[in-house]
Amino acid sequence: MPSPRRKAISSSSAVPTRVSSSLVHTPCAERPGRAAAARQQQAQDQFEGYVRTVASSSDATSPADQIAQAKQLLDAGTIDQAEFDRLKAKALA
């Protein structure tokens, strides 16, 4: 009885010689980068929110405004010269 002939498989058709990087899926390798980027974005958002809050606060006045208010108090006699000088130094600090 003749032995059945097996068809030979060439190595070029069985194994691709070039693999496209788009076909390689590496979810574990991508997750740390995405998580770090998400944490960084969250920190940036928190920082920007803090800056907006501080900048829009009604207590946020310029040193010139603080000195002008202190001068008005001095002129009205509410504070003395020593207190005006202290408030001015604090505003300029």
C-alpha atoms as a PDB file:
ATOM      1  CA  MET A   1       0.000   0.000   0.000  1.00  0.00           C
ATOM      2  CA  PRO A   2       1.510   3.288  -0.973  1.00  0.00           C
ATOM      3  CA  SER A   3       2.006   5.808   1.823  1.00  0.00           C
ATOM      4  CA  PRO A   4      -0.055   8.959   1.499  1.00  0.00           C
ATOM      5  CA  ARG A   5       2.023  11.917   0.563  1.00  0.00           C
ATOM      6  CA  ARG A   6       1.827  14.876   2.818  1.00  0.00           C
ATOM      7  CA  LYS A   7       1.862  18.286   1.379  1.00  0.00           C
ATOM      8  CA  ALA A   8       4.881  20.202   2.507  1.00  0.00           C
ATOM      9  CA  ILE A   9       4.214  23.547   4.169  1.00  0.00           C
ATOM     10  CA  SER A  10       6.681  26.182   3.271  1.00  0.00           C
ATOM     11  CA  SER A  11       8.008  28.255   6.098  1.00  0.00           C
ATOM     12  CA  SER A  12       7.119  31.489   4.348  1.00  0.00           C
ATOM     13  CA  SER A  13       3.404  30.695   4.264  1.00  0.00           C
ATOM     14  CA  ALA A  14       3.175  29.357   7.819  1.00  0.00           C
ATOM     15  CA  VAL A  15       4.931  32.168   9.674  1.00  0.00           C
ATOM     16  CA  PRO A  16       4.536  35.789   8.724  1.00  0.00           C
ATOM     17  CA  THR A  17       7.851  37.443   8.208  1.00  0.00           C
ATOM     18  CA  ARG A  18       6.586  40.881   9.167  1.00  0.00           C
ATOM     19  CA  VAL A  19       4.088  41.751  11.874  1.00  0.00           C
ATOM     20  CA  SER A  20       2.331  45.065  11.808  1.00  0.00           C
ATOM     21  CA  SER A  21       2.489  46.956  15.094  1.00  0.00           C
ATOM     22  CA  SER A  22      -1.211  47.752  14.764  1.00  0.00           C
ATOM     23  CA  LEU A  23      -1.987  44.064  15.105  1.00  0.00           C
ATOM     24  CA  VAL A  24      -0.175  43.730  18.400  1.00  0.00           C
ATOM     25  CA  HIS A  25      -2.471  44.393  21.329  1.00  0.00           C
ATOM     26  CA  THR A  26      -0.776  45.204  24.610  1.00  0.00           C
ATOM     27  CA  PRO A  27      -3.450  46.441  27.006  1.00  0.00           C
ATOM     28  CA  CYS A  28      -1.333  45.870  30.098  1.00  0.00           C
ATOM     29  CA  ALA A  29       1.463  48.023  28.756  1.00  0.00           C
ATOM     30  CA  GLU A  30      -0.920  50.867  27.847  1.00  0.00           C
ATOM     31  CA  ARG A  31      -2.833  51.085  31.114  1.00  0.00           C
ATOM     32  CA  PRO A  32      -0.079  52.587  33.314  1.00  0.00           C
ATOM     33  CA  GLY A  33       0.485  55.370  30.794  1.00  0.00           C
ATOM     34  CA  ARG A  34      -3.212  56.129  30.558  1.00  0.00           C
ATOM     35  CA  ALA A  35      -3.631  56.076  34.327  1.00  0.00           C
ATOM     36  CA  ALA A  36      -0.679  58.410  34.817  1.00  0.00           C
ATOM     37  CA  ALA A  37      -2.037  60.774  32.178  1.00  0.00           C
ATOM     38  CA  ALA A  38      -5.452  60.731  33.854  1.00  0.00           C
ATOM     39  CA  ARG A  39      -3.898  61.490  37.255  1.00  0.00           C
ATOM     40  CA  GLN A  40      -1.856  64.306  35.769  1.00  0.00           C
ATOM     41  CA  GLN A  41      -4.941  65.789  34.073  1.00  0.00           C
ATOM     42  CA  GLN A  42      -6.905  65.563  37.331  1.00  0.00           C
ATOM     43  CA  ALA A  43      -4.113  67.330  39.224  1.00  0.00           C
ATOM     44  CA  GLN A  44      -3.968  70.041  36.548  1.00  0.00           C
ATOM     45  CA  ASP A  45      -7.745  70.533  36.755  1.00  0.00           C
ATOM     46  CA  GLN A  46      -7.584  70.817  40.549  1.00  0.00           C
ATOM     47  CA  PHE A  47      -4.757  73.352  40.332  1.00  0.00           C
ATOM     48  CA  GLU A  48      -6.591  75.470  37.763  1.00  0.00           C
ATOM     49  CA  GLY A  49      -9.738  75.367  39.905  1.00  0.00           C
ATOM     50  CA  TYR A  50      -7.760  76.538  42.919  1.00  0.00           C
ATOM     51  CA  VAL A  51      -6.204  79.388  40.950  1.00  0.00           C
ATOM     52  CA  ARG A  52      -9.625  80.478  39.660  1.00  0.00           C
ATOM     53  CA  THR A  53     -11.038  80.401  43.192  1.00  0.00           C
ATOM     54  CA  VAL A  54      -8.207  82.459  44.646  1.00  0.00           C
ATOM     55  CA  ALA A  55      -8.176  84.914  41.746  1.00  0.00           C
ATOM     56  CA  SER A  56     -11.926  85.539  41.910  1.00  0.00           C
ATOM     57  CA  SER A  57     -12.064  85.807  45.689  1.00  0.00           C
ATOM     58  CA  SER A  58     -13.482  89.083  46.983  1.00  0.00           C
ATOM     59  CA  ASP A  59     -10.604  89.227  49.470  1.00  0.00           C
ATOM     60  CA  ALA A  60      -8.077  89.345  46.651  1.00  0.00           C
ATOM     61  CA  THR A  61      -7.116  92.996  46.325  1.00  0.00           C
ATOM     62  CA  SER A  62      -3.981  94.473  44.900  1.00  0.00           C
ATOM     63  CA  PRO A  63      -1.343  96.012  47.193  1.00  0.00           C
ATOM     64  CA  ALA A  64      -2.239  99.430  45.783  1.00  0.00           C
ATOM     65  CA  ASP A  65      -5.899  98.902  46.727  1.00  0.00           C
ATOM     66  CA  GLN A  66      -4.925  97.805  50.246  1.00  0.00           C
ATOM     67  CA  ILE A  67      -2.714 100.875  50.710  1.00  0.00           C
ATOM     68  CA  ALA A  68      -5.466 103.161  49.364  1.00  0.00           C
ATOM     69  CA  GLN A  69      -7.967 101.676  51.822  1.00  0.00           C
ATOM     70  CA  ALA A  70      -5.497 102.119  54.671  1.00  0.00           C
ATOM     71  CA  LYS A  71      -4.889 105.740  53.581  1.00  0.00           C
ATOM     72  CA  GLN A  72      -8.637 106.401  53.672  1.00  0.00           C
ATOM     73  CA  LEU A  73      -8.743 105.008  57.211  1.00  0.00           C
ATOM     74  CA  LEU A  74      -5.765 107.195  58.180  1.00  0.00           C
ATOM     75  CA  ASP A  75      -7.372 110.305  56.663  1.00  0.00           C
ATOM     76  CA  ALA A  76     -10.646 109.554  58.458  1.00  0.00           C
ATOM     77  CA  GLY A  77      -8.784 109.239  61.759  1.00  0.00           C
ATOM     78  CA  THR A  78      -9.783 105.603  62.214  1.00  0.00           C
ATOM     79  CA  ILE A  79      -6.150 104.456  62.412  1.00  0.00           C
ATOM     80  CA  ASP A  80      -2.952 106.247  63.362  1.00  0.00           C
ATOM     81  CA  GLN A  81       0.245 106.635  61.323  1.00  0.00           C
ATOM     82  CA  ALA A  82       1.884 103.577  62.948  1.00  0.00           C
ATOM     83  CA  GLU A  83      -1.066 101.377  61.971  1.00  0.00           C
ATOM     84  CA  PHE A  84      -1.013 102.791  58.422  1.00  0.00           C
ATOM     85  CA  ASP A  85       2.709 102.024  58.144  1.00  0.00           C
ATOM     86  CA  ARG A  86       2.107  98.448  59.365  1.00  0.00           C
ATOM     87  CA  LEU A  87      -0.728  97.893  56.859  1.00  0.00           C
ATOM     88  CA  LYS A  88       1.374  99.376  54.056  1.00  0.00           C
ATOM     89  CA  ALA A  89       4.340  97.119  54.880  1.00  0.00           C
ATOM     90  CA  LYS A  90       2.025  94.092  54.991  1.00  0.00           C
ATOM     91  CA  ALA A  91       0.504  94.993  51.601  1.00  0.00           C
ATOM     92  CA  LEU A  92       3.943  95.348  50.041  1.00  0.00           C
ATOM     93  CA  ALA A  93       5.287  92.112  51.553  1.00  0.00           C
END
